[in-house]
PDB file of N, CA and C in Angstrom:
ATOM      1  N   MET A   1     -98.155 -13.403  67.014  1.00  0.00           N
ATOM      2  CA  MET A   1     -96.931 -13.844  66.367  1.00  0.00           C
ATOM      3  C   MET A   1     -97.205 -15.191  65.709  1.00  0.00           C
ATOM      4  N   ASN A   2     -96.880 -15.311  64.445  1.00  0.00           N
ATOM      5  CA  ASN A   2     -97.070 -16.559  63.723  1.00  0.00           C
ATOM      6  C   ASN A   2     -95.837 -17.446  63.940  1.00  0.00           C
ATOM      7  N   MET A   3     -96.012 -18.503  64.728  1.00  0.00           N
ATOM      8  CA  MET A   3     -94.886 -19.367  65.081  1.00  0.00           C
ATOM      9  C   MET A   3     -94.363 -20.160  63.890  1.00  0.00           C
ATOM     10  N   ASP A   4     -95.232 -20.513  62.934  1.00  0.00           N
ATOM     11  CA  ASP A   4     -94.768 -21.242  61.745  1.00  0.00           C
ATOM     12  C   ASP A   4     -93.778 -20.400  60.954  1.00  0.00           C
ATOM     13  N   ILE A   5     -94.119 -19.148  60.739  1.00  0.00           N
ATOM     14  CA  ILE A   5     -93.231 -18.245  59.991  1.00  0.00           C
ATOM     15  C   ILE A   5     -91.956 -17.978  60.785  1.00  0.00           C
ATOM     16  N   THR A   6     -92.094 -17.808  62.096  1.00  0.00           N
ATOM     17  CA  THR A   6     -90.918 -17.569  62.939  1.00  0.00           C
ATOM     18  C   THR A   6     -89.944 -18.739  62.863  1.00  0.00           C
ATOM     19  N   LEU A   7     -90.461 -19.961  62.949  1.00  0.00           N
ATOM     20  CA  LEU A   7     -89.590 -21.134  62.883  1.00  0.00           C
ATOM     21  C   LEU A   7     -88.959 -21.282  61.500  1.00  0.00           C
ATOM     22  N   LEU A   8     -89.732 -21.071  60.447  1.00  0.00           N
ATOM     23  CA  LEU A   8     -89.156 -21.146  59.094  1.00  0.00           C
ATOM     24  C   LEU A   8     -88.062 -20.105  58.898  1.00  0.00           C
ATOM     25  N   ASN A   9     -88.300 -18.892  59.376  1.00  0.00           N
ATOM     26  CA  ASN A   9     -87.274 -17.849  59.270  1.00  0.00           C
ATOM     27  C   ASN A   9     -86.023 -18.230  60.044  1.00  0.00           C
ATOM     28  N   PHE A  10     -86.199 -18.819  61.218  1.00  0.00           N
ATOM     29  CA  PHE A  10     -85.056 -19.286  62.002  1.00  0.00           C
ATOM     30  C   PHE A  10     -84.248 -20.318  61.216  1.00  0.00           C
ATOM     31  N   LEU A  11     -84.930 -21.287  60.619  1.00  0.00           N
ATOM     32  CA  LEU A  11     -84.227 -22.339  59.883  1.00  0.00           C
ATOM     33  C   LEU A  11     -83.505 -21.813  58.648  1.00  0.00           C
ATOM     34  N   LYS A  12     -83.991 -20.688  58.107  1.00  0.00           N
ATOM     35  CA  LYS A  12     -83.361 -20.098  56.915  1.00  0.00           C
ATOM     36  C   LYS A  12     -82.323 -19.023  57.265  1.00  0.00           C
ATOM     37  N   THR A  13     -82.141 -18.742  58.529  1.00  0.00           N
ATOM     38  CA  THR A  13     -81.196 -17.710  58.952  1.00  0.00           C
ATOM     39  C   THR A  13     -79.776 -18.098  58.557  1.00  0.00           C
ATOM     40  N   PRO A  14     -79.059 -17.195  57.891  1.00  0.00           N
ATOM     41  CA  PRO A  14     -77.667 -17.505  57.532  1.00  0.00           C
ATOM     42  C   PRO A  14     -76.745 -17.391  58.750  1.00  0.00           C
ATOM     43  N   VAL A  15     -75.841 -18.347  58.865  1.00  0.00           N
ATOM     44  CA  VAL A  15     -74.823 -18.338  59.913  1.00  0.00           C
ATOM     45  C   VAL A  15     -73.489 -18.733  59.292  1.00  0.00           C
ATOM     46  N   LYS A  16     -72.419 -18.341  59.945  1.00  0.00           N
ATOM     47  CA  LYS A  16     -71.091 -18.699  59.459  1.00  0.00           C
ATOM     48  C   LYS A  16     -70.529 -19.802  60.349  1.00  0.00           C
ATOM     49  N   VAL A  17     -70.181 -20.930  59.719  1.00  0.00           N
ATOM     50  CA  VAL A  17     -69.607 -22.062  60.430  1.00  0.00           C
ATOM     51  C   VAL A  17     -68.365 -22.514  59.673  1.00  0.00           C
ATOM     52  N   GLU A  18     -67.267 -22.562  60.382  1.00  0.00           N
ATOM     53  CA  GLU A  18     -65.996 -22.971  59.780  1.00  0.00           C
ATOM     54  C   GLU A  18     -65.715 -22.188  58.500  1.00  0.00           C
ATOM     55  N   ASN A  19     -65.921 -20.868  58.585  1.00  0.00           N
ATOM     56  CA  ASN A  19     -65.686 -19.920  57.481  1.00  0.00           C
ATOM     57  C   ASN A  19     -66.556 -20.171  56.256  1.00  0.00           C
ATOM     58  N   GLN A  20     -67.697 -20.821  56.448  1.00  0.00           N
ATOM     59  CA  GLN A  20     -68.642 -21.026  55.359  1.00  0.00           C
ATOM     60  C   GLN A  20     -69.996 -20.490  55.771  1.00  0.00           C
ATOM     61  N   ASP A  21     -70.685 -19.857  54.833  1.00  0.00           N
ATOM     62  CA  ASP A  21     -72.036 -19.380  55.087  1.00  0.00           C
ATOM     63  C   ASP A  21     -73.018 -20.506  54.821  1.00  0.00           C
ATOM     64  N   ILE A  22     -73.780 -20.858  55.856  1.00  0.00           N
ATOM     65  CA  ILE A  22     -74.790 -21.897  55.736  1.00  0.00           C
ATOM     66  C   ILE A  22     -76.071 -21.403  56.412  1.00  0.00           C
ATOM     67  N   MET A  23     -77.148 -22.144  56.240  1.00  0.00           N
ATOM     68  CA  MET A  23     -78.393 -21.808  56.926  1.00  0.00           C
ATOM     69  C   MET A  23     -78.438 -22.537  58.270  1.00  0.00           C
ATOM     70  N   MET A  24     -79.245 -22.018  59.160  1.00  0.00           N
ATOM     71  CA  MET A  24     -79.382 -22.637  60.474  1.00  0.00           C
ATOM     72  C   MET A  24     -79.841 -24.092  60.348  1.00  0.00           C
ATOM     73  N   SER A  25     -80.679 -24.405  59.375  1.00  0.00           N
ATOM     74  CA  SER A  25     -81.105 -25.800  59.176  1.00  0.00           C
ATOM     75  C   SER A  25     -79.908 -26.709  58.870  1.00  0.00           C
ATOM     76  N   ASP A  26     -78.937 -26.186  58.125  1.00  0.00           N
ATOM     77  CA  ASP A  26     -77.722 -26.956  57.845  1.00  0.00           C
ATOM     78  C   ASP A  26     -76.906 -27.174  59.118  1.00  0.00           C
ATOM     79  N   MET A  27     -76.882 -26.157  59.966  1.00  0.00           N
ATOM     80  CA  MET A  27     -76.150 -26.288  61.224  1.00  0.00           C
ATOM     81  C   MET A  27     -76.807 -27.343  62.117  1.00  0.00           C
ATOM     82  N   ILE A  28     -78.122 -27.398  62.090  1.00  0.00           N
ATOM     83  CA  ILE A  28     -78.827 -28.423  62.868  1.00  0.00           C
ATOM     84  C   ILE A  28     -78.499 -29.808  62.316  1.00  0.00           C
ATOM     85  N   ARG A  29     -78.417 -29.929  61.009  1.00  0.00           N
ATOM     86  CA  ARG A  29     -78.007 -31.218  60.410  1.00  0.00           C
ATOM     87  C   ARG A  29     -76.611 -31.610  60.901  1.00  0.00           C
ATOM     88  N   LEU A  30     -75.692 -30.650  60.878  1.00  0.00           N
ATOM     89  CA  LEU A  30     -74.332 -30.921  61.355  1.00  0.00           C
ATOM     90  C   LEU A  30     -74.354 -31.335  62.823  1.00  0.00           C
ATOM     91  N   TYR A  31     -75.164 -30.662  63.602  1.00  0.00           N
ATOM     92  CA  TYR A  31     -75.279 -30.980  65.028  1.00  0.00           C
ATOM     93  C   TYR A  31     -75.761 -32.417  65.238  1.00  0.00           C
ATOM     94  N   THR A  32     -76.733 -32.868  64.449  1.00  0.00           N
ATOM     95  CA  THR A  32     -77.245 -34.226  64.634  1.00  0.00           C
ATOM     96  C   THR A  32     -76.210 -35.283  64.243  1.00  0.00           C
ATOM     97  N   ILE A  33     -75.257 -34.899  63.419  1.00  0.00           N
ATOM     98  CA  ILE A  33     -74.185 -35.825  63.023  1.00  0.00           C
ATOM     99  C   ILE A  33     -73.083 -35.855  64.069  1.00  0.00           C
ATOM    100  N   ASN A  34     -72.723 -34.664  64.590  1.00  0.00           N
ATOM    101  CA  ASN A  34     -71.629 -34.559  65.552  1.00  0.00           C
ATOM    102  C   ASN A  34     -71.998 -33.554  66.637  1.00  0.00           C
ATOM    103  N   LYS A  35     -72.725 -34.022  67.643  1.00  0.00           N
ATOM    104  CA  LYS A  35     -73.234 -33.142  68.696  1.00  0.00           C
ATOM    105  C   LYS A  35     -72.114 -32.437  69.460  1.00  0.00           C
ATOM    106  N   ASP A  36     -71.069 -33.151  69.784  1.00  0.00           N
ATOM    107  CA  ASP A  36     -69.979 -32.542  70.558  1.00  0.00           C
ATOM    108  C   ASP A  36     -69.337 -31.370  69.835  1.00  0.00           C
ATOM    109  N   LYS A  37     -69.169 -31.500  68.536  1.00  0.00           N
ATOM    110  CA  LYS A  37     -68.481 -30.464  67.764  1.00  0.00           C
ATOM    111  C   LYS A  37     -69.341 -29.217  67.540  1.00  0.00           C
ATOM    112  N   TYR A  38     -70.650 -29.392  67.350  1.00  0.00           N
ATOM    113  CA  TYR A  38     -71.491 -28.266  66.935  1.00  0.00           C
ATOM    114  C   TYR A  38     -72.463 -27.753  68.006  1.00  0.00           C
ATOM    115  N   LYS A  39     -72.520 -28.412  69.140  1.00  0.00           N
ATOM    116  CA  LYS A  39     -73.498 -28.025  70.162  1.00  0.00           C
ATOM    117  C   LYS A  39     -73.303 -26.583  70.644  1.00  0.00           C
ATOM    118  N   THR A  40     -72.097 -26.218  70.992  1.00  0.00           N
ATOM    119  CA  THR A  40     -71.843 -24.876  71.531  1.00  0.00           C
ATOM    120  C   THR A  40     -72.176 -23.799  70.518  1.00  0.00           C
ATOM    121  N   GLU A  41     -71.729 -23.956  69.293  1.00  0.00           N
ATOM    122  CA  GLU A  41     -71.984 -22.936  68.270  1.00  0.00           C
ATOM    123  C   GLU A  41     -73.478 -22.841  67.937  1.00  0.00           C
ATOM    124  N   LEU A  42     -74.145 -23.974  67.826  1.00  0.00           N
ATOM    125  CA  LEU A  42     -75.583 -23.958  67.556  1.00  0.00           C
ATOM    126  C   LEU A  42     -76.330 -23.300  68.711  1.00  0.00           C
ATOM    127  N   ASN A  43     -75.919 -23.594  69.918  1.00  0.00           N
ATOM    128  CA  ASN A  43     -76.545 -22.992  71.091  1.00  0.00           C
ATOM    129  C   ASN A  43     -76.362 -21.473  71.093  1.00  0.00           C
ATOM    130  N   LEU A  44     -75.157 -21.007  70.841  1.00  0.00           N
ATOM    131  CA  LEU A  44     -74.886 -19.559  70.827  1.00  0.00           C
ATOM    132  C   LEU A  44     -75.678 -18.844  69.738  1.00  0.00           C
ATOM    133  N   GLN A  45     -75.671 -19.398  68.541  1.00  0.00           N
ATOM    134  CA  GLN A  45     -76.384 -18.773  67.421  1.00  0.00           C
ATOM    135  C   GLN A  45     -77.892 -18.761  67.666  1.00  0.00           C
ATOM    136  N   SER A  46     -78.434 -19.879  68.157  1.00  0.00           N
ATOM    137  CA  SER A  46     -79.874 -19.964  68.423  1.00  0.00           C
ATOM    138  C   SER A  46     -80.282 -18.996  69.522  1.00  0.00           C
ATOM    139  N   LYS A  47     -79.507 -18.948  70.586  1.00  0.00           N
ATOM    140  CA  LYS A  47     -79.816 -18.056  71.706  1.00  0.00           C
ATOM    141  C   LYS A  47     -79.803 -16.600  71.269  1.00  0.00           C
ATOM    142  N   LYS A  48     -78.837 -16.246  70.452  1.00  0.00           N
ATOM    143  CA  LYS A  48     -78.743 -14.870  69.950  1.00  0.00           C
ATOM    144  C   LYS A  48     -79.998 -14.495  69.156  1.00  0.00           C
ATOM    145  N   ILE A  49     -80.448 -15.391  68.309  1.00  0.00           N
ATOM    146  CA  ILE A  49     -81.636 -15.130  67.484  1.00  0.00           C
ATOM    147  C   ILE A  49     -82.893 -15.067  68.350  1.00  0.00           C
ATOM    148  N   PHE A  50     -83.081 -16.064  69.213  1.00  0.00           N
ATOM    149  CA  PHE A  50     -84.323 -16.131  69.988  1.00  0.00           C
ATOM    150  C   PHE A  50     -84.394 -15.090  71.095  1.00  0.00           C
ATOM    151  N   ASP A  51     -83.270 -14.723  71.685  1.00  0.00           N
ATOM    152  CA  ASP A  51     -83.306 -13.673  72.707  1.00  0.00           C
ATOM    153  C   ASP A  51     -83.751 -12.347  72.100  1.00  0.00           C
ATOM    154  N   THR A  52     -83.452 -12.139  70.825  1.00  0.00           N
ATOM    155  CA  THR A  52     -83.905 -10.934  70.133  1.00  0.00           C
ATOM    156  C   THR A  52     -85.370 -11.071  69.716  1.00  0.00           C
ATOM    157  N   THR A  53     -85.725 -12.210  69.148  1.00  0.00           N
ATOM    158  CA  THR A  53     -87.087 -12.435  68.652  1.00  0.00           C
ATOM    159  C   THR A  53     -88.107 -12.493  69.782  1.00  0.00           C
ATOM    160  N   PHE A  54     -87.762 -13.182  70.859  1.00  0.00           N
ATOM    161  CA  PHE A  54     -88.705 -13.405  71.959  1.00  0.00           C
ATOM    162  C   PHE A  54     -88.318 -12.623  73.208  1.00  0.00           C
ATOM    163  N   LYS A  55     -87.850 -11.420  73.035  1.00  0.00           N
ATOM    164  CA  LYS A  55     -87.419 -10.607  74.173  1.00  0.00           C
ATOM    165  C   LYS A  55     -88.570 -10.482  75.184  1.00  0.00           C
ATOM    166  N   GLY A  56     -88.309 -10.904  76.405  1.00  0.00           N
ATOM    167  CA  GLY A  56     -89.316 -10.825  77.449  1.00  0.00           C
ATOM    168  C   GLY A  56     -90.253 -12.020  77.520  1.00  0.00           C
ATOM    169  N   PHE A  57     -90.045 -13.044  76.690  1.00  0.00           N
ATOM    170  CA  PHE A  57     -90.910 -14.226  76.683  1.00  0.00           C
ATOM    171  C   PHE A  57     -90.103 -15.481  76.993  1.00  0.00           C
ATOM    172  N   ASN A  58     -90.786 -16.492  77.501  1.00  0.00           N
ATOM    173  CA  ASN A  58     -90.175 -17.810  77.680  1.00  0.00           C
ATOM    174  C   ASN A  58     -90.209 -18.540  76.339  1.00  0.00           C
ATOM    175  N   TYR A  59     -89.158 -19.302  76.051  1.00  0.00           N
ATOM    176  CA  TYR A  59     -89.159 -20.103  74.825  1.00  0.00           C
ATOM    177  C   TYR A  59     -88.389 -21.395  75.030  1.00  0.00           C
ATOM    178  N   LYS A  60     -88.693 -22.362  74.175  1.00  0.00           N
ATOM    179  CA  LYS A  60     -88.010 -23.657  74.184  1.00  0.00           C
ATOM    180  C   LYS A  60     -87.765 -24.080  72.747  1.00  0.00           C
ATOM    181  N   LEU A  61     -86.600 -24.631  72.483  1.00  0.00           N
ATOM    182  CA  LEU A  61     -86.271 -25.198  71.184  1.00  0.00           C
ATOM    183  C   LEU A  61     -85.939 -26.668  71.402  1.00  0.00           C
ATOM    184  N   GLU A  62     -86.645 -27.527  70.679  1.00  0.00           N
ATOM    185  CA  GLU A  62     -86.398 -28.963  70.766  1.00  0.00           C
ATOM    186  C   GLU A  62     -85.913 -29.475  69.421  1.00  0.00           C
ATOM    187  N   ILE A  63     -84.965 -30.402  69.476  1.00  0.00           N
ATOM    188  CA  ILE A  63     -84.483 -31.072  68.280  1.00  0.00           C
ATOM    189  C   ILE A  63     -84.672 -32.563  68.510  1.00  0.00           C
ATOM    190  N   ASN A  64     -85.466 -33.172  67.651  1.00  0.00           N
ATOM    191  CA  ASN A  64     -85.811 -34.599  67.788  1.00  0.00           C
ATOM    192  C   ASN A  64     -86.341 -34.927  69.184  1.00  0.00           C
ATOM    193  N   ASN A  65     -87.289 -34.118  69.645  1.00  0.00           N
ATOM    194  CA  ASN A  65     -87.962 -34.299  70.936  1.00  0.00           C
ATOM    195  C   ASN A  65     -87.042 -34.193  72.149  1.00  0.00           C
ATOM    196  N   GLU A  66     -85.850 -33.636  71.967  1.00  0.00           N
ATOM    197  CA  GLU A  66     -84.955 -33.376  73.092  1.00  0.00           C
ATOM    198  C   GLU A  66     -84.839 -31.871  73.266  1.00  0.00           C
ATOM    199  N   LEU A  67     -85.010 -31.414  74.497  1.00  0.00           N
ATOM    200  CA  LEU A  67     -84.876 -29.993  74.774  1.00  0.00           C
ATOM    201  C   LEU A  67     -83.444 -29.573  74.494  1.00  0.00           C
ATOM    202  N   PHE A  68     -83.278 -28.640  73.564  1.00  0.00           N
ATOM    203  CA  PHE A  68     -81.942 -28.169  73.204  1.00  0.00           C
ATOM    204  C   PHE A  68     -81.638 -26.821  73.851  1.00  0.00           C
ATOM    205  N   LEU A  69     -82.613 -25.935  73.852  1.00  0.00           N
ATOM    206  CA  LEU A  69     -82.393 -24.583  74.353  1.00  0.00           C
ATOM    207  C   LEU A  69     -83.656 -24.112  75.042  1.00  0.00           C
ATOM    208  N   GLU A  70     -83.497 -23.487  76.196  1.00  0.00           N
ATOM    209  CA  GLU A  70     -84.648 -22.990  76.944  1.00  0.00           C
ATOM    210  C   GLU A  70     -84.277 -21.672  77.591  1.00  0.00           C
ATOM    211  N   ASN A  71     -85.217 -20.762  77.583  1.00  0.00           N
ATOM    212  CA  ASN A  71     -85.008 -19.481  78.239  1.00  0.00           C
ATOM    213  C   ASN A  71     -86.252 -19.141  79.042  1.00  0.00           C
ATOM    214  N   THR A  72     -86.069 -18.879  80.306  1.00  0.00           N
ATOM    215  CA  THR A  72     -87.170 -18.501  81.176  1.00  0.00           C
ATOM    216  C   THR A  72     -86.879 -17.111  81.709  1.00  0.00           C
ATOM    217  N   VAL A  73     -87.599 -16.141  81.177  1.00  0.00           N
ATOM    218  CA  VAL A  73     -87.385 -14.764  81.603  1.00  0.00           C
ATOM    219  C   VAL A  73     -88.548 -14.219  82.410  1.00  0.00           C
ATOM    220  N   SER A  74     -89.709 -14.768  82.200  1.00  0.00           N
ATOM    221  CA  SER A  74     -90.856 -14.321  82.984  1.00  0.00           C
ATOM    222  C   SER A  74     -91.383 -15.509  83.762  1.00  0.00           C
ATOM    223  N   GLY A  75     -91.865 -15.270  84.939  1.00  0.00           N
ATOM    224  CA  GLY A  75     -92.276 -16.307  85.871  1.00  0.00           C
ATOM    225  C   GLY A  75     -93.110 -17.428  85.316  1.00  0.00           C
ATOM    226  N   ILE A  76     -94.390 -17.356  85.501  1.00  0.00           N
ATOM    227  CA  ILE A  76     -95.287 -18.462  85.160  1.00  0.00           C
ATOM    228  C   ILE A  76     -95.811 -18.299  83.745  1.00  0.00           C
ATOM    229  N   THR A  77     -95.777 -19.376  83.004  1.00  0.00           N
ATOM    230  CA  THR A  77     -96.352 -19.385  81.665  1.00  0.00           C
ATOM    231  C   THR A  77     -97.649 -20.167  81.712  1.00  0.00           C
ATOM    232  N   ASP A  78     -98.729 -19.528  81.298  1.00  0.00           N
ATOM    233  CA  ASP A  78    -100.030 -20.179  81.340  1.00  0.00           C
ATOM    234  C   ASP A  78    -100.224 -21.182  80.214  1.00  0.00           C
ATOM    235  N   LYS A  79     -99.725 -20.867  79.042  1.00  0.00           N
ATOM    236  CA  LYS A  79     -99.860 -21.808  77.924  1.00  0.00           C
ATOM    237  C   LYS A  79     -98.705 -21.579  76.952  1.00  0.00           C
ATOM    238  N   TRP A  80     -98.511 -22.553  76.092  1.00  0.00           N
ATOM    239  CA  TRP A  80     -97.432 -22.490  75.099  1.00  0.00           C
ATOM    240  C   TRP A  80     -98.054 -22.527  73.711  1.00  0.00           C
ATOM    241  N   ILE A  81     -97.535 -21.682  72.817  1.00  0.00           N
ATOM    242  CA  ILE A  81     -97.875 -21.822  71.406  1.00  0.00           C
ATOM    243  C   ILE A  81     -96.644 -22.419  70.744  1.00  0.00           C
ATOM    244  N   GLU A  82     -96.857 -23.232  69.737  1.00  0.00           N
ATOM    245  CA  GLU A  82     -95.717 -23.947  69.174  1.00  0.00           C
ATOM    246  C   GLU A  82     -95.847 -24.171  67.684  1.00  0.00           C
ATOM    247  N   SER A  83     -94.723 -24.520  67.091  1.00  0.00           N
ATOM    248  CA  SER A  83     -94.656 -24.889  65.682  1.00  0.00           C
ATOM    249  C   SER A  83     -93.599 -25.974  65.538  1.00  0.00           C
ATOM    250  N   SER A  84     -93.815 -26.871  64.600  1.00  0.00           N
ATOM    251  CA  SER A  84     -92.846 -27.934  64.312  1.00  0.00           C
ATOM    252  C   SER A  84     -92.552 -27.957  62.824  1.00  0.00           C
ATOM    253  N   GLN A  85     -91.326 -28.243  62.493  1.00  0.00           N
ATOM    254  CA  GLN A  85     -90.895 -28.415  61.111  1.00  0.00           C
ATOM    255  C   GLN A  85     -89.980 -29.632  61.046  1.00  0.00           C
ATOM    256  N   TYR A  86     -89.905 -30.217  59.873  1.00  0.00           N
ATOM    257  CA  TYR A  86     -89.029 -31.361  59.656  1.00  0.00           C
ATOM    258  C   TYR A  86     -88.018 -31.008  58.575  1.00  0.00           C
ATOM    259  N   ILE A  87     -86.778 -31.412  58.803  1.00  0.00           N
ATOM    260  CA  ILE A  87     -85.742 -31.257  57.775  1.00  0.00           C
ATOM    261  C   ILE A  87     -85.093 -32.626  57.567  1.00  0.00           C
ATOM    262  N   LEU A  88     -84.553 -32.828  56.386  1.00  0.00           N
ATOM    263  CA  LEU A  88     -83.892 -34.096  56.086  1.00  0.00           C
ATOM    264  C   LEU A  88     -82.470 -34.096  56.615  1.00  0.00           C
ATOM    265  N   SER A  89     -82.083 -35.223  57.191  1.00  0.00           N
ATOM    266  CA  SER A  89     -80.701 -35.374  57.645  1.00  0.00           C
ATOM    267  C   SER A  89     -79.854 -35.917  56.495  1.00  0.00           C
ATOM    268  N   GLN A  90     -78.590 -36.095  56.760  1.00  0.00           N
ATOM    269  CA  GLN A  90     -77.669 -36.614  55.746  1.00  0.00           C
ATOM    270  C   GLN A  90     -78.073 -38.001  55.260  1.00  0.00           C
ATOM    271  N   ASP A  91     -78.638 -38.811  56.166  1.00  0.00           N
ATOM    272  CA  ASP A  91     -79.024 -40.175  55.789  1.00  0.00           C
ATOM    273  C   ASP A  91     -80.491 -40.276  55.353  1.00  0.00           C
ATOM    274  N   SER A  92     -81.102 -39.132  55.049  1.00  0.00           N
ATOM    275  CA  SER A  92     -82.481 -39.020  54.569  1.00  0.00           C
ATOM    276  C   SER A  92     -83.547 -39.329  55.629  1.00  0.00           C
ATOM    277  N   SER A  93     -83.147 -39.394  56.880  1.00  0.00           N
ATOM    278  CA  SER A  93     -84.155 -39.505  57.932  1.00  0.00           C
ATOM    279  C   SER A  93     -84.625 -38.086  58.284  1.00  0.00           C
ATOM    280  N   LEU A  94     -85.702 -38.004  59.008  1.00  0.00           N
ATOM    281  CA  LEU A  94     -86.255 -36.698  59.347  1.00  0.00           C
ATOM    282  C   LEU A  94     -85.743 -36.207  60.697  1.00  0.00           C
ATOM    283  N   ILE A  95     -85.462 -34.927  60.748  1.00  0.00           N
ATOM    284  CA  ILE A  95     -85.085 -34.263  61.986  1.00  0.00           C
ATOM    285  C   ILE A  95     -86.249 -33.334  62.332  1.00  0.00           C
ATOM    286  N   MET A  96     -86.825 -33.508  63.527  1.00  0.00           N
ATOM    287  CA  MET A  96     -87.936 -32.651  63.928  1.00  0.00           C
ATOM    288  C   MET A  96     -87.415 -31.490  64.769  1.00  0.00           C
ATOM    289  N   ILE A  97     -87.818 -30.291  64.382  1.00  0.00           N
ATOM    290  CA  ILE A  97     -87.481 -29.074  65.116  1.00  0.00           C
ATOM    291  C   ILE A  97     -88.799 -28.527  65.657  1.00  0.00           C
ATOM    292  N   LYS A  98     -88.852 -28.297  66.960  1.00  0.00           N
ATOM    293  CA  LYS A  98     -90.070 -27.749  67.572  1.00  0.00           C
ATOM    294  C   LYS A  98     -89.687 -26.490  68.344  1.00  0.00           C
ATOM    295  N   LEU A  99     -90.456 -25.449  68.126  1.00  0.00           N
ATOM    296  CA  LEU A  99     -90.258 -24.182  68.810  1.00  0.00           C
ATOM    297  C   LEU A  99     -91.508 -23.868  69.610  1.00  0.00           C
ATOM    298  N   ARG A 100     -91.320 -23.528  70.884  1.00  0.00           N
ATOM    299  CA  ARG A 100     -92.446 -23.177  71.751  1.00  0.00           C
ATOM    300  C   ARG A 100     -92.190 -21.810  72.372  1.00  0.00           C
ATOM    301  N   MET A 101     -93.256 -21.024  72.472  1.00  0.00           N
ATOM    302  CA  MET A 101     -93.172 -19.732  73.136  1.00  0.00           C
ATOM    303  C   MET A 101     -94.255 -19.676  74.197  1.00  0.00           C
ATOM    304  N   GLY A 102     -93.871 -19.274  75.394  1.00  0.00           N
ATOM    305  CA  GLY A 102     -94.823 -19.171  76.493  1.00  0.00           C
ATOM    306  C   GLY A 102     -95.577 -17.858  76.441  1.00  0.00           C
ATOM    307  N   VAL A 103     -96.867 -17.940  76.660  1.00  0.00           N
ATOM    308  CA  VAL A 103     -97.700 -16.738  76.703  1.00  0.00           C
ATOM    309  C   VAL A 103     -98.548 -16.782  77.961  1.00  0.00           C
ATOM    310  N   LEU A 104     -98.813 -15.624  78.513  1.00  0.00           N
ATOM    311  CA  LEU A 104     -99.678 -15.519  79.674  1.00  0.00           C
ATOM    312  C   LEU A 104    -101.108 -15.352  79.210  1.00  0.00           C
ATOM    313  N   GLU A 105    -102.009 -16.076  79.834  1.00  0.00           N
ATOM    314  CA  GLU A 105    -103.428 -15.918  79.531  1.00  0.00           C
ATOM    315  C   GLU A 105    -103.885 -14.575  80.095  1.00  0.00           C
ATOM    316  N   THR A 106    -104.716 -13.883  79.364  1.00  0.00           N
ATOM    317  CA  THR A 106    -105.280 -12.644  79.887  1.00  0.00           C
ATOM    318  C   THR A 106    -106.649 -12.929  80.453  1.00  0.00           C
ATOM    319  N   SER A 107    -107.011 -12.215  81.457  1.00  0.00           N
ATOM    320  CA  SER A 107    -108.292 -12.418  82.112  1.00  0.00           C
ATOM    321  C   SER A 107    -109.424 -11.966  81.206  1.00  0.00           C
ATOM    322  N   GLU A 108    -110.548 -12.647  81.329  1.00  0.00           N
ATOM    323  CA  GLU A 108    -111.732 -12.232  80.584  1.00  0.00           C
ATOM    324  C   GLU A 108    -112.271 -10.918  81.138  1.00  0.00           C
ATOM    325  N   TYR A 109    -111.958 -10.662  82.382  1.00  0.00           N
ATOM    326  CA  TYR A 109    -112.495  -9.486  83.047  1.00  0.00           C
ATOM    327  C   TYR A 109    -111.463  -8.371  83.052  1.00  0.00           C
ATOM    328  N   THR A 110    -111.839  -7.252  82.531  1.00  0.00           N
ATOM    329  CA  THR A 110    -110.939  -6.102  82.529  1.00  0.00           C
ATOM    330  C   THR A 110    -111.636  -4.943  83.213  1.00  0.00           C
ATOM    331  N   THR A 111    -110.860  -4.113  83.800  1.00  0.00           N
ATOM    332  CA  THR A 111    -111.406  -2.939  84.448  1.00  0.00           C
ATOM    333  C   THR A 111    -110.989  -1.732  83.646  1.00  0.00           C
ATOM    334  N   GLU A 112    -111.942  -0.909  83.320  1.00  0.00           N
ATOM    335  CA  GLU A 112    -111.643   0.299  82.546  1.00  0.00           C
ATOM    336  C   GLU A 112    -111.844   1.497  83.445  1.00  0.00           C
ATOM    337  N   TYR A 113    -110.816   2.309  83.514  1.00  0.00           N
ATOM    338  CA  TYR A 113    -110.895   3.506  84.338  1.00  0.00           C
ATOM    339  C   TYR A 113    -111.038   4.707  83.430  1.00  0.00           C
ATOM    340  N   THR A 114    -111.924   5.592  83.785  1.00  0.00           N
ATOM    341  CA  THR A 114    -112.069   6.830  83.027  1.00  0.00           C
ATOM    342  C   THR A 114    -111.969   7.998  83.985  1.00  0.00           C
ATOM    343  N   ALA A 115    -111.474   9.069  83.474  1.00  0.00           N
ATOM    344  CA  ALA A 115    -111.365  10.289  84.286  1.00  0.00           C
ATOM    345  C   ALA A 115    -112.622  11.118  84.073  1.00  0.00           C
ATOM    346  N   ALA A 116    -113.261  11.437  85.171  1.00  0.00           N
ATOM    347  CA  ALA A 116    -114.457  12.279  85.067  1.00  0.00           C
ATOM    348  C   ALA A 116    -114.014  13.730  84.881  1.00  0.00           C
ATOM    349  N   GLY A 117    -114.667  14.451  83.978  1.00  0.00           N
ATOM    350  CA  GLY A 117    -114.207  15.786  83.674  1.00  0.00           C
ATOM    351  C   GLY A 117    -115.104  16.821  84.069  1.00  0.00           C
TER     352      GLY A 117
END
């Protein structure tokens, strides 16, 4: 899974906020301006998208180095793959969005079973 493309697609996902169609990146901008007003809606929309995209995997979404959303569905995660993107805020500062997905390491050793005929 290409995390850069996944994160870009997430940021371009259309959502409806206050009867207006906007992109998820716009919703994140709104959230950084007024966290209390937009936190619940951003959380619901993000969870809906990521629960579908990462079904069966652990994931984390960070906004400006703060954990915003986390889902742990499988026990231990051996390593994380991640992607980061920056979007401009209303005051022209940068907002960093980081997406991480947990993956289990596979063993170098595999056992192959064959049926003798």
